Amino acid sequence: ELCDVALLVGSRQIHAHRAVLAASSPYFRAMFTGELAESRQPEVTLRDMDELAVESLVEFCYTAHIIVEESNVQTLLPAACLLQLQEIQEVCCEFLKRQLDPSNCLGIRAFADTHACRELLKVAERFAQYNFVDVTESEEFLLLPVNQLIDMIGSDELNVRSEEQVYQAVMAWVRHSLPERRQHLPLVLSHVRLPQMSPKFLVNTVSSDLLIRGSEPCRDLVDEAKNYLLLPQERPHMQGPRTRPRKPLRCGEVLFAVGGWCSGDAINTVERFDPTHSGGEWRLVAPMNKRRCGVGVAVLNDLMYAVGGHDGQSYLNSVE
């Protein structure tokens, strides 16, 4: 009743009040209060927008209520971005975060990137890195553009037990569309950390692959890795992105520095490094009862044991 504007979206005409729309949406406020022609027209055409999504968003402007579900989130989010309805954008992004799965995280990541949802993009990217092995079994992974594949496998944050898993994923991606992707193999392989593989896998699997053998740049990368593995005395001069181990991402894994020497004396301090903190962080934790250097350390059933060592005066035969 007393509506003063009609929104034309596709085949649908949505009647509304300018004041209500302007109060809820910066997009409509700029449209109706500025010098644009739409500020005086009784009908406004919204192009390239889903009519059901716009209808739901207009209803939200009146009721502050909306239902976000799997069937409408991919049309609601773009419409909310265009109409600058920040609250709806956040609700849609939170919904998509809860839907993240190895089979869809790459698609959600691309969707977030398209609509400049930075927080969702970051979460989806982190999810894909942490669940990399499961993600590589999805159809989305095999359909990745080469630049996105390189971004993914080039990350230090990739959560893999061994670099062999990265190599196998890359080769599966190449073979999924071999005629078009063969040309990308040298570039993609240059982001696989071949020097971090076991010598046996490098020789028996990588070197013997016909695709690798048929490419001179790929053979050069394999030779580089062999030199790194076979000439340990030369490793200080061969450091680079491919020789750098990836960061461990598994939950609950931390690094402890136990005892040692400081200013010529044995010490009892214990420090813990947590890689999940931004940039990593060392913190002091409970010290040992005795000073110990050259101490043996083991973990059993989530308990850490310090065995023997030297206290600066004599060797120890105790355990704590």
C-alpha atoms as a PDB file:
ATOM      1  CA  GLU A   1       0.000   0.000   0.000  1.00  0.00           C
ATOM      2  CA  LEU A   2       1.220   3.504  -0.927  1.00  0.00           C
ATOM      3  CA  CYS A   3       4.244   2.001  -2.700  1.00  0.00           C
ATOM      4  CA  ASP A   4       6.171   4.587  -4.689  1.00  0.00           C
ATOM      5  CA  VAL A   5       8.592   2.459  -6.727  1.00  0.00           C
ATOM      6  CA  ALA A   6       8.525  -0.799  -8.669  1.00  0.00           C
ATOM      7  CA  LEU A   7      11.685  -2.857  -9.148  1.00  0.00           C
ATOM      8  CA  LEU A   8      11.780  -4.684 -12.469  1.00  0.00           C
ATOM      9  CA  VAL A   9      13.878  -7.844 -12.168  1.00  0.00           C
ATOM     10  CA  GLY A  10      13.648 -10.314 -15.013  1.00  0.00           C
ATOM     11  CA  SER A  11       9.956 -11.008 -15.562  1.00  0.00           C
ATOM     12  CA  ARG A  12       8.989  -9.915 -12.054  1.00  0.00           C
ATOM     13  CA  GLN A  13       7.754  -6.554 -10.764  1.00  0.00           C
ATOM     14  CA  ILE A  14       8.425  -5.933  -7.061  1.00  0.00           C
ATOM     15  CA  HIS A  15       6.574  -3.013  -5.451  1.00  0.00           C
ATOM     16  CA  ALA A  16       8.223  -1.232  -2.534  1.00  0.00           C
ATOM     17  CA  HIS A  17       8.724   2.069  -0.701  1.00  0.00           C
ATOM     18  CA  ARG A  18      11.805   4.129  -1.527  1.00  0.00           C
ATOM     19  CA  ALA A  19      12.228   5.167   2.108  1.00  0.00           C
ATOM     20  CA  VAL A  20      12.330   1.555   3.326  1.00  0.00           C
ATOM     21  CA  LEU A  21      14.799   0.457   0.651  1.00  0.00           C
ATOM     22  CA  ALA A  22      17.021   3.506   1.202  1.00  0.00           C
ATOM     23  CA  ALA A  23      17.060   2.934   4.970  1.00  0.00           C
ATOM     24  CA  SER A  24      18.320  -0.639   4.524  1.00  0.00           C
ATOM     25  CA  SER A  25      20.574  -0.456   1.467  1.00  0.00           C
ATOM     26  CA  PRO A  26      23.345   2.078   0.714  1.00  0.00           C
ATOM     27  CA  TYR A  27      22.875   1.144  -2.956  1.00  0.00           C
ATOM     28  CA  PHE A  28      19.227   2.243  -2.949  1.00  0.00           C
ATOM     29  CA  ARG A  29      19.984   5.262  -0.763  1.00  0.00           C
ATOM     30  CA  ALA A  30      22.490   6.532  -3.329  1.00  0.00           C
ATOM     31  CA  MET A  31      20.052   5.774  -6.149  1.00  0.00           C
ATOM     32  CA  PHE A  32      17.022   7.509  -4.629  1.00  0.00           C
ATOM     33  CA  THR A  33      18.679  10.510  -2.957  1.00  0.00           C
ATOM     34  CA  GLY A  34      21.137  11.486  -5.679  1.00  0.00           C
ATOM     35  CA  GLU A  35      20.783  13.042  -9.095  1.00  0.00           C
ATOM     36  CA  LEU A  36      20.324   9.748 -10.925  1.00  0.00           C
ATOM     37  CA  ALA A  37      17.317   9.413 -13.225  1.00  0.00           C
ATOM     38  CA  GLU A  38      16.089   6.496 -11.091  1.00  0.00           C
ATOM     39  CA  SER A  39      15.450   8.912  -8.215  1.00  0.00           C
ATOM     40  CA  ARG A  40      12.455  10.277 -10.117  1.00  0.00           C
ATOM     41  CA  GLN A  41      11.274   7.237 -12.072  1.00  0.00           C
ATOM     42  CA  PRO A  42       8.347   5.121 -10.819  1.00  0.00           C
ATOM     43  CA  GLU A  43      10.040   1.974 -12.148  1.00  0.00           C
ATOM     44  CA  VAL A  44      13.674   0.901 -11.736  1.00  0.00           C
ATOM     45  CA  THR A  45      15.213  -1.957 -13.732  1.00  0.00           C
ATOM     46  CA  LEU A  46      17.787  -4.161 -11.982  1.00  0.00           C
ATOM     47  CA  ARG A  47      19.739  -6.103 -14.586  1.00  0.00           C
ATOM     48  CA  ASP A  48      21.632  -9.386 -14.262  1.00  0.00           C
ATOM     49  CA  MET A  49      20.102 -10.196 -10.879  1.00  0.00           C
ATOM     50  CA  ASP A  50      18.074 -13.175  -9.732  1.00  0.00           C
ATOM     51  CA  GLU A  51      14.446 -12.151  -9.259  1.00  0.00           C
ATOM     52  CA  LEU A  52      13.785 -14.496  -6.332  1.00  0.00           C
ATOM     53  CA  ALA A  53      16.918 -13.273  -4.576  1.00  0.00           C
ATOM     54  CA  VAL A  54      15.920  -9.622  -4.989  1.00  0.00           C
ATOM     55  CA  GLU A  55      12.419 -10.400  -3.765  1.00  0.00           C
ATOM     56  CA  SER A  56      13.843 -12.065  -0.644  1.00  0.00           C
ATOM     57  CA  LEU A  57      16.160  -9.114  -0.012  1.00  0.00           C
ATOM     58  CA  VAL A  58      13.349  -6.574  -0.400  1.00  0.00           C
ATOM     59  CA  GLU A  59      11.296  -8.595   2.064  1.00  0.00           C
ATOM     60  CA  PHE A  60      14.280  -8.546   4.432  1.00  0.00           C
ATOM     61  CA  CYS A  61      14.317  -4.739   4.243  1.00  0.00           C
ATOM     62  CA  TYR A  62      10.794  -4.802   5.704  1.00  0.00           C
ATOM     63  CA  THR A  63      10.957  -7.729   8.131  1.00  0.00           C
ATOM     64  CA  ALA A  64      14.662  -8.156   9.025  1.00  0.00           C
ATOM     65  CA  HIS A  65      14.072 -11.864   8.380  1.00  0.00           C
ATOM     66  CA  ILE A  66      15.521 -14.070   5.653  1.00  0.00           C
ATOM     67  CA  ILE A  67      16.146 -17.782   5.119  1.00  0.00           C
ATOM     68  CA  VAL A  68      19.560 -18.712   3.732  1.00  0.00           C
ATOM     69  CA  GLU A  69      19.868 -22.280   2.529  1.00  0.00           C
ATOM     70  CA  GLU A  70      21.762 -24.368   0.028  1.00  0.00           C
ATOM     71  CA  SER A  71      19.229 -23.712  -2.731  1.00  0.00           C
ATOM     72  CA  ASN A  72      19.465 -19.906  -2.634  1.00  0.00           C
ATOM     73  CA  VAL A  73      22.821 -18.893  -1.149  1.00  0.00           C
ATOM     74  CA  GLN A  74      24.560 -18.672  -4.542  1.00  0.00           C
ATOM     75  CA  THR A  75      22.003 -16.147  -5.798  1.00  0.00           C
ATOM     76  CA  LEU A  76      21.497 -14.272  -2.525  1.00  0.00           C
ATOM     77  CA  LEU A  77      25.172 -13.469  -1.966  1.00  0.00           C
ATOM     78  CA  PRO A  78      25.812 -11.757  -5.351  1.00  0.00           C
ATOM     79  CA  ALA A  79      22.571  -9.775  -5.006  1.00  0.00           C
ATOM     80  CA  ALA A  80      23.425  -8.759  -1.434  1.00  0.00           C
ATOM     81  CA  CYS A  81      26.887  -7.652  -2.568  1.00  0.00           C
ATOM     82  CA  LEU A  82      25.416  -5.461  -5.321  1.00  0.00           C
ATOM     83  CA  LEU A  83      22.782  -3.940  -3.036  1.00  0.00           C
ATOM     84  CA  GLN A  84      25.430  -3.506  -0.296  1.00  0.00           C
ATOM     85  CA  LEU A  85      23.459  -5.415   2.316  1.00  0.00           C
ATOM     86  CA  GLN A  86      26.432  -6.186   4.550  1.00  0.00           C
ATOM     87  CA  GLU A  87      24.460  -8.186   7.105  1.00  0.00           C
ATOM     88  CA  ILE A  88      23.172 -10.592   4.456  1.00  0.00           C
ATOM     89  CA  GLN A  89      26.639 -10.960   2.959  1.00  0.00           C
ATOM     90  CA  GLU A  90      27.973 -12.011   6.357  1.00  0.00           C
ATOM     91  CA  VAL A  91      25.120 -14.471   6.932  1.00  0.00           C
ATOM     92  CA  CYS A  92      25.693 -16.061   3.508  1.00  0.00           C
ATOM     93  CA  CYS A  93      29.435 -16.330   4.110  1.00  0.00           C
ATOM     94  CA  GLU A  94      28.915 -17.931   7.516  1.00  0.00           C
ATOM     95  CA  PHE A  95      26.495 -20.412   5.945  1.00  0.00           C
ATOM     96  CA  LEU A  96      29.056 -21.335   3.270  1.00  0.00           C
ATOM     97  CA  LYS A  97      31.785 -21.779   5.891  1.00  0.00           C
ATOM     98  CA  ARG A  98      29.618 -24.411   7.578  1.00  0.00           C
ATOM     99  CA  GLN A  99      29.143 -26.174   4.238  1.00  0.00           C
ATOM    100  CA  LEU A 100      32.867 -26.532   3.522  1.00  0.00           C
ATOM    101  CA  ASP A 101      33.834 -30.037   2.450  1.00  0.00           C
ATOM    102  CA  PRO A 102      36.781 -31.466   0.473  1.00  0.00           C
ATOM    103  CA  SER A 103      34.421 -31.939  -2.472  1.00  0.00           C
ATOM    104  CA  ASN A 104      33.268 -28.300  -2.627  1.00  0.00           C
ATOM    105  CA  CYS A 105      35.866 -26.095  -0.914  1.00  0.00           C
ATOM    106  CA  LEU A 106      37.581 -25.093  -4.172  1.00  0.00           C
ATOM    107  CA  GLY A 107      34.267 -24.031  -5.682  1.00  0.00           C
ATOM    108  CA  ILE A 108      33.400 -22.027  -2.565  1.00  0.00           C
ATOM    109  CA  ARG A 109      36.859 -20.466  -2.660  1.00  0.00           C
ATOM    110  CA  ALA A 110      36.349 -19.364  -6.276  1.00  0.00           C
ATOM    111  CA  PHE A 111      32.860 -18.079  -5.432  1.00  0.00           C
ATOM    112  CA  ALA A 112      34.254 -16.044  -2.524  1.00  0.00           C
ATOM    113  CA  ASP A 113      37.009 -14.639  -4.723  1.00  0.00           C
ATOM    114  CA  THR A 114      34.510 -13.572  -7.398  1.00  0.00           C
ATOM    115  CA  HIS A 115      32.405 -11.677  -4.868  1.00  0.00           C
ATOM    116  CA  ALA A 116      35.312 -10.243  -2.824  1.00  0.00           C
ATOM    117  CA  CYS A 117      34.368 -12.113   0.369  1.00  0.00           C
ATOM    118  CA  ARG A 118      37.835 -12.007   1.881  1.00  0.00           C
ATOM    119  CA  GLU A 119      37.128 -13.838   5.121  1.00  0.00           C
ATOM    120  CA  LEU A 120      35.328 -16.698   3.348  1.00  0.00           C
ATOM    121  CA  LEU A 121      38.127 -16.837   0.779  1.00  0.00           C
ATOM    122  CA  LYS A 122      40.721 -17.143   3.537  1.00  0.00           C
ATOM    123  CA  VAL A 123      38.783 -19.852   5.391  1.00  0.00           C
ATOM    124  CA  ALA A 124      38.114 -21.884   2.221  1.00  0.00           C
ATOM    125  CA  GLU A 125      41.752 -21.615   1.179  1.00  0.00           C
ATOM    126  CA  ARG A 126      42.959 -22.762   4.583  1.00  0.00           C
ATOM    127  CA  PHE A 127      40.450 -25.635   4.545  1.00  0.00           C
ATOM    128  CA  ALA A 128      41.696 -26.774   1.123  1.00  0.00           C
ATOM    129  CA  GLN A 129      45.318 -26.643   2.274  1.00  0.00           C
ATOM    130  CA  TYR A 130      44.622 -28.603   5.440  1.00  0.00           C
ATOM    131  CA  ASN A 131      42.556 -31.257   3.624  1.00  0.00           C
ATOM    132  CA  PHE A 132      44.728 -31.292   0.502  1.00  0.00           C
ATOM    133  CA  VAL A 133      44.874 -35.069   0.018  1.00  0.00           C
ATOM    134  CA  ASP A 134      41.078 -35.442   0.208  1.00  0.00           C
ATOM    135  CA  VAL A 135      40.594 -32.362  -1.993  1.00  0.00           C
ATOM    136  CA  THR A 136      42.751 -33.890  -4.745  1.00  0.00           C
ATOM    137  CA  GLU A 137      40.239 -36.719  -5.087  1.00  0.00           C
ATOM    138  CA  SER A 138      37.445 -34.307  -6.008  1.00  0.00           C
ATOM    139  CA  GLU A 139      36.281 -33.325  -9.476  1.00  0.00           C
ATOM    140  CA  GLU A 140      36.833 -29.666  -8.571  1.00  0.00           C
ATOM    141  CA  PHE A 141      40.563 -30.285  -8.168  1.00  0.00           C
ATOM    142  CA  LEU A 142      40.887 -31.935 -11.570  1.00  0.00           C
ATOM    143  CA  LEU A 143      39.114 -28.951 -13.153  1.00  0.00           C
ATOM    144  CA  LEU A 144      41.321 -26.294 -11.534  1.00  0.00           C
ATOM    145  CA  PRO A 145      42.882 -23.714 -13.884  1.00  0.00           C
ATOM    146  CA  VAL A 146      46.664 -24.021 -13.975  1.00  0.00           C
ATOM    147  CA  ASN A 147      47.258 -20.727 -12.138  1.00  0.00           C
ATOM    148  CA  GLN A 148      45.070 -21.813  -9.210  1.00  0.00           C
ATOM    149  CA  LEU A 149      46.787 -25.210  -9.081  1.00  0.00           C
ATOM    150  CA  ILE A 150      50.182 -23.491  -8.893  1.00  0.00           C
ATOM    151  CA  ASP A 151      48.978 -21.178  -6.125  1.00  0.00           C
ATOM    152  CA  MET A 152      47.816 -24.182  -4.141  1.00  0.00           C
ATOM    153  CA  ILE A 153      50.831 -26.476  -4.472  1.00  0.00           C
ATOM    154  CA  GLY A 154      53.256 -23.570  -4.060  1.00  0.00           C
ATOM    155  CA  SER A 155      52.037 -22.833  -0.541  1.00  0.00           C
ATOM    156  CA  ASP A 156      54.201 -23.642   2.482  1.00  0.00           C
ATOM    157  CA  GLU A 157      50.954 -24.339   4.357  1.00  0.00           C
ATOM    158  CA  LEU A 158      50.013 -27.441   2.338  1.00  0.00           C
ATOM    159  CA  ASN A 159      49.238 -30.271   4.760  1.00  0.00           C
ATOM    160  CA  VAL A 160      50.820 -33.443   3.353  1.00  0.00           C
ATOM    161  CA  ARG A 161      52.660 -36.351   4.911  1.00  0.00           C
ATOM    162  CA  SER A 162      55.158 -36.396   2.065  1.00  0.00           C
ATOM    163  CA  GLU A 163      55.921 -34.511  -1.127  1.00  0.00           C
ATOM    164  CA  GLU A 164      55.052 -37.688  -3.013  1.00  0.00           C
ATOM    165  CA  GLN A 165      51.376 -36.869  -2.410  1.00  0.00           C
ATOM    166  CA  VAL A 166      51.796 -33.490  -4.116  1.00  0.00           C
ATOM    167  CA  TYR A 167      53.522 -35.107  -7.099  1.00  0.00           C
ATOM    168  CA  GLN A 168      50.795 -37.723  -7.502  1.00  0.00           C
ATOM    169  CA  ALA A 169      48.090 -35.039  -7.370  1.00  0.00           C
ATOM    170  CA  VAL A 170      49.870 -32.943  -9.998  1.00  0.00           C
ATOM    171  CA  MET A 171      50.292 -35.868 -12.370  1.00  0.00           C
ATOM    172  CA  ALA A 172      46.613 -36.824 -11.954  1.00  0.00           C
ATOM    173  CA  TRP A 173      45.675 -33.224 -12.842  1.00  0.00           C
ATOM    174  CA  VAL A 174      47.890 -33.255 -15.949  1.00  0.00           C
ATOM    175  CA  ARG A 175      46.608 -36.622 -17.159  1.00  0.00           C
ATOM    176  CA  HIS A 176      42.969 -35.578 -16.652  1.00  0.00           C
ATOM    177  CA  SER A 177      43.259 -33.476 -19.817  1.00  0.00           C
ATOM    178  CA  LEU A 178      46.626 -34.469 -21.218  1.00  0.00           C
ATOM    179  CA  PRO A 179      46.509 -32.860 -24.697  1.00  0.00           C
ATOM    180  CA  GLU A 180      45.832 -29.392 -23.234  1.00  0.00           C
ATOM    181  CA  ARG A 181      47.851 -29.727 -20.029  1.00  0.00           C
ATOM    182  CA  ARG A 182      51.037 -31.442 -21.179  1.00  0.00           C
ATOM    183  CA  GLN A 183      52.512 -28.026 -21.993  1.00  0.00           C
ATOM    184  CA  HIS A 184      52.013 -26.902 -18.367  1.00  0.00           C
ATOM    185  CA  LEU A 185      53.858 -29.864 -16.811  1.00  0.00           C
ATOM    186  CA  PRO A 186      57.328 -28.220 -16.520  1.00  0.00           C
ATOM    187  CA  LEU A 187      55.878 -25.115 -14.860  1.00  0.00           C
ATOM    188  CA  VAL A 188      53.651 -27.091 -12.502  1.00  0.00           C
ATOM    189  CA  LEU A 189      56.408 -29.568 -11.617  1.00  0.00           C
ATOM    190  CA  SER A 190      58.717 -26.678 -10.715  1.00  0.00           C
ATOM    191  CA  HIS A 191      56.407 -25.998  -7.749  1.00  0.00           C
ATOM    192  CA  VAL A 192      56.619 -29.600  -6.499  1.00  0.00           C
ATOM    193  CA  ARG A 193      59.435 -29.914  -3.948  1.00  0.00           C
ATOM    194  CA  LEU A 194      61.225 -32.847  -5.533  1.00  0.00           C
ATOM    195  CA  PRO A 195      64.286 -32.562  -3.224  1.00  0.00           C
ATOM    196  CA  GLN A 196      61.951 -33.311  -0.290  1.00  0.00           C
ATOM    197  CA  MET A 197      61.014 -36.727  -1.727  1.00  0.00           C
ATOM    198  CA  SER A 198      62.599 -40.015  -0.782  1.00  0.00           C
ATOM    199  CA  PRO A 199      65.419 -41.055  -3.169  1.00  0.00           C
ATOM    200  CA  LYS A 200      63.604 -44.320  -3.893  1.00  0.00           C
ATOM    201  CA  PHE A 201      60.400 -42.575  -5.021  1.00  0.00           C
ATOM    202  CA  LEU A 202      62.337 -40.020  -7.046  1.00  0.00           C
ATOM    203  CA  VAL A 203      64.245 -42.707  -8.955  1.00  0.00           C
ATOM    204  CA  ASN A 204      61.623 -45.449  -9.257  1.00  0.00           C
ATOM    205  CA  THR A 205      58.515 -43.337  -9.859  1.00  0.00           C
ATOM    206  CA  VAL A 206      59.353 -39.808 -10.980  1.00  0.00           C
ATOM    207  CA  SER A 207      62.364 -40.534 -13.182  1.00  0.00           C
ATOM    208  CA  SER A 208      60.647 -43.456 -14.880  1.00  0.00           C
ATOM    209  CA  ASP A 209      57.425 -41.589 -15.758  1.00  0.00           C
ATOM    210  CA  LEU A 210      57.164 -41.245 -19.534  1.00  0.00           C
ATOM    211  CA  LEU A 211      55.813 -37.698 -19.288  1.00  0.00           C
ATOM    212  CA  ILE A 212      58.820 -36.668 -17.195  1.00  0.00           C
ATOM    213  CA  ARG A 213      61.304 -38.465 -19.413  1.00  0.00           C
ATOM    214  CA  GLY A 214      59.822 -36.790 -22.484  1.00  0.00           C
ATOM    215  CA  SER A 215      60.410 -33.256 -21.175  1.00  0.00           C
ATOM    216  CA  GLU A 216      63.900 -31.781 -20.864  1.00  0.00           C
ATOM    217  CA  PRO A 217      62.865 -29.112 -18.291  1.00  0.00           C
ATOM    218  CA  CYS A 218      61.276 -31.855 -16.168  1.00  0.00           C
ATOM    219  CA  ARG A 219      64.412 -33.993 -16.400  1.00  0.00           C
ATOM    220  CA  ASP A 220      66.451 -30.994 -15.265  1.00  0.00           C
ATOM    221  CA  LEU A 221      64.240 -30.636 -12.185  1.00  0.00           C
ATOM    222  CA  VAL A 222      64.708 -34.326 -11.376  1.00  0.00           C
ATOM    223  CA  ASP A 223      68.493 -34.008 -11.775  1.00  0.00           C
ATOM    224  CA  GLU A 224      68.471 -31.008  -9.441  1.00  0.00           C
ATOM    225  CA  ALA A 225      66.651 -33.086  -6.812  1.00  0.00           C
ATOM    226  CA  LYS A 226      69.042 -36.022  -7.242  1.00  0.00           C
ATOM    227  CA  ASN A 227      72.039 -33.746  -6.737  1.00  0.00           C
ATOM    228  CA  TYR A 228      70.477 -32.344  -3.583  1.00  0.00           C
ATOM    229  CA  LEU A 229      69.821 -35.821  -2.177  1.00  0.00           C
ATOM    230  CA  LEU A 230      73.139 -37.387  -3.225  1.00  0.00           C
ATOM    231  CA  LEU A 231      75.461 -34.492  -2.340  1.00  0.00           C
ATOM    232  CA  PRO A 232      74.597 -33.458   1.233  1.00  0.00           C
ATOM    233  CA  GLN A 233      77.794 -31.420   1.510  1.00  0.00           C
ATOM    234  CA  GLU A 234      76.526 -29.152  -1.288  1.00  0.00           C
ATOM    235  CA  ARG A 235      73.084 -28.530   0.190  1.00  0.00           C
ATOM    236  CA  PRO A 236      73.951 -25.180   1.819  1.00  0.00           C
ATOM    237  CA  HIS A 237      74.615 -23.847  -1.699  1.00  0.00           C
ATOM    238  CA  MET A 238      71.441 -25.327  -3.209  1.00  0.00           C
ATOM    239  CA  GLN A 239      68.780 -23.803  -0.970  1.00  0.00           C
ATOM    240  CA  GLY A 240      65.599 -22.449  -2.564  1.00  0.00           C
ATOM    241  CA  PRO A 241      61.795 -22.749  -2.565  1.00  0.00           C
ATOM    242  CA  ARG A 242      61.941 -26.394  -3.708  1.00  0.00           C
ATOM    243  CA  THR A 243      64.280 -27.455  -0.887  1.00  0.00           C
ATOM    244  CA  ARG A 244      62.216 -25.817   1.867  1.00  0.00           C
ATOM    245  CA  PRO A 245      60.021 -28.250   3.841  1.00  0.00           C
ATOM    246  CA  ARG A 246      56.347 -27.388   4.110  1.00  0.00           C
ATOM    247  CA  LYS A 247      54.920 -26.311   7.446  1.00  0.00           C
ATOM    248  CA  PRO A 248      53.155 -29.010   9.470  1.00  0.00           C
ATOM    249  CA  LEU A 249      49.464 -28.185   9.928  1.00  0.00           C
ATOM    250  CA  ARG A 250      48.177 -31.160  11.868  1.00  0.00           C
ATOM    251  CA  CYS A 251      46.285 -30.075  14.969  1.00  0.00           C
ATOM    252  CA  GLY A 252      48.086 -30.519  18.277  1.00  0.00           C
ATOM    253  CA  GLU A 253      51.610 -30.842  16.875  1.00  0.00           C
ATOM    254  CA  VAL A 254      54.160 -28.563  18.543  1.00  0.00           C
ATOM    255  CA  LEU A 255      57.947 -28.470  18.828  1.00  0.00           C
ATOM    256  CA  PHE A 256      59.772 -28.580  22.186  1.00  0.00           C
ATOM    257  CA  ALA A 257      63.319 -27.411  22.953  1.00  0.00           C
ATOM    258  CA  VAL A 258      64.385 -29.289  26.086  1.00  0.00           C
ATOM    259  CA  GLY A 259      67.390 -28.369  28.230  1.00  0.00           C
ATOM    260  CA  GLY A 260      70.772 -27.732  26.635  1.00  0.00           C
ATOM    261  CA  TRP A 261      73.555 -25.234  27.306  1.00  0.00           C
ATOM    262  CA  CYS A 262      73.337 -21.487  27.985  1.00  0.00           C
ATOM    263  CA  SER A 263      76.396 -19.332  28.793  1.00  0.00           C
ATOM    264  CA  GLY A 264      78.430 -22.451  29.528  1.00  0.00           C
ATOM    265  CA  ASP A 265      75.959 -24.002  31.982  1.00  0.00           C
ATOM    266  CA  ALA A 266      73.428 -26.802  31.632  1.00  0.00           C
ATOM    267  CA  ILE A 267      69.846 -25.548  31.871  1.00  0.00           C
ATOM    268  CA  ASN A 268      66.490 -27.006  32.884  1.00  0.00           C
ATOM    269  CA  THR A 269      64.232 -24.803  30.769  1.00  0.00           C
ATOM    270  CA  VAL A 270      61.703 -26.178  28.282  1.00  0.00           C
ATOM    271  CA  GLU A 271      60.319 -24.072  25.428  1.00  0.00           C
ATOM    272  CA  ARG A 272      57.435 -24.836  23.099  1.00  0.00           C
ATOM    273  CA  PHE A 273      57.009 -23.622  19.509  1.00  0.00           C
ATOM    274  CA  ASP A 274      53.449 -23.493  18.156  1.00  0.00           C
ATOM    275  CA  PRO A 275      53.380 -23.196  14.327  1.00  0.00           C
ATOM    276  CA  THR A 276      49.652 -22.454  14.285  1.00  0.00           C
ATOM    277  CA  HIS A 277      50.242 -18.977  15.688  1.00  0.00           C
ATOM    278  CA  SER A 278      50.812 -16.253  13.119  1.00  0.00           C
ATOM    279  CA  GLY A 279      54.528 -16.353  12.311  1.00  0.00           C
ATOM    280  CA  GLY A 280      55.092 -19.046  14.939  1.00  0.00           C
ATOM    281  CA  GLU A 281      55.701 -18.414  18.633  1.00  0.00           C
ATOM    282  CA  TRP A 282      58.128 -19.765  21.275  1.00  0.00           C
ATOM    283  CA  ARG A 283      56.875 -19.910  24.878  1.00  0.00           C
ATOM    284  CA  LEU A 284      58.426 -21.111  28.114  1.00  0.00           C
ATOM    285  CA  VAL A 285      56.591 -24.025  29.718  1.00  0.00           C
ATOM    286  CA  ALA A 286      57.185 -25.961  32.954  1.00  0.00           C
ATOM    287  CA  PRO A 287      60.939 -26.541  33.510  1.00  0.00           C
ATOM    288  CA  MET A 288      62.567 -29.879  34.304  1.00  0.00           C
ATOM    289  CA  ASN A 289      63.456 -30.725  37.893  1.00  0.00           C
ATOM    290  CA  LYS A 290      67.141 -31.074  36.965  1.00  0.00           C
ATOM    291  CA  ARG A 291      69.482 -29.254  34.609  1.00  0.00           C
ATOM    292  CA  ARG A 292      70.091 -31.456  31.576  1.00  0.00           C
ATOM    293  CA  CYS A 293      72.141 -31.076  28.408  1.00  0.00           C
ATOM    294  CA  GLY A 294      72.581 -33.855  25.868  1.00  0.00           C
ATOM    295  CA  VAL A 295      69.278 -35.170  27.175  1.00  0.00           C
ATOM    296  CA  GLY A 296      67.260 -37.872  25.441  1.00  0.00           C
ATOM    297  CA  VAL A 297      63.600 -36.971  24.891  1.00  0.00           C
ATOM    298  CA  ALA A 298      60.686 -39.234  23.935  1.00  0.00           C
ATOM    299  CA  VAL A 299      56.884 -39.039  23.847  1.00  0.00           C
ATOM    300  CA  LEU A 300      54.578 -41.848  24.949  1.00  0.00           C
ATOM    301  CA  ASN A 301      50.802 -41.552  25.404  1.00  0.00           C
ATOM    302  CA  ASP A 302      50.989 -37.748  25.128  1.00  0.00           C
ATOM    303  CA  LEU A 303      53.574 -37.533  27.927  1.00  0.00           C
ATOM    304  CA  MET A 304      57.105 -36.270  27.264  1.00  0.00           C
ATOM    305  CA  TYR A 305      60.032 -37.952  29.032  1.00  0.00           C
ATOM    306  CA  ALA A 306      63.514 -36.495  29.587  1.00  0.00           C
ATOM    307  CA  VAL A 307      66.077 -39.285  29.953  1.00  0.00           C
ATOM    308  CA  GLY A 308      69.610 -38.949  31.308  1.00  0.00           C
ATOM    309  CA  GLY A 309      71.858 -36.149  30.105  1.00  0.00           C
ATOM    310  CA  HIS A 310      74.519 -34.122  31.908  1.00  0.00           C
ATOM    311  CA  ASP A 311      73.913 -31.475  34.585  1.00  0.00           C
ATOM    312  CA  GLY A 312      77.232 -29.694  34.082  1.00  0.00           C
ATOM    313  CA  GLN A 313      78.945 -31.721  36.806  1.00  0.00           C
ATOM    314  CA  SER A 314      78.150 -35.353  36.089  1.00  0.00           C
ATOM    315  CA  TYR A 315      76.090 -37.659  33.904  1.00  0.00           C
ATOM    316  CA  LEU A 316      72.559 -38.369  35.099  1.00  0.00           C
ATOM    317  CA  ASN A 317      70.788 -41.737  35.312  1.00  0.00           C
ATOM    318  CA  SER A 318      67.355 -40.315  36.142  1.00  0.00           C
ATOM    319  CA  VAL A 319      64.159 -39.887  34.127  1.00  0.00           C
ATOM    320  CA  GLU A 320      61.392 -37.283  34.461  1.00  0.00           C
END
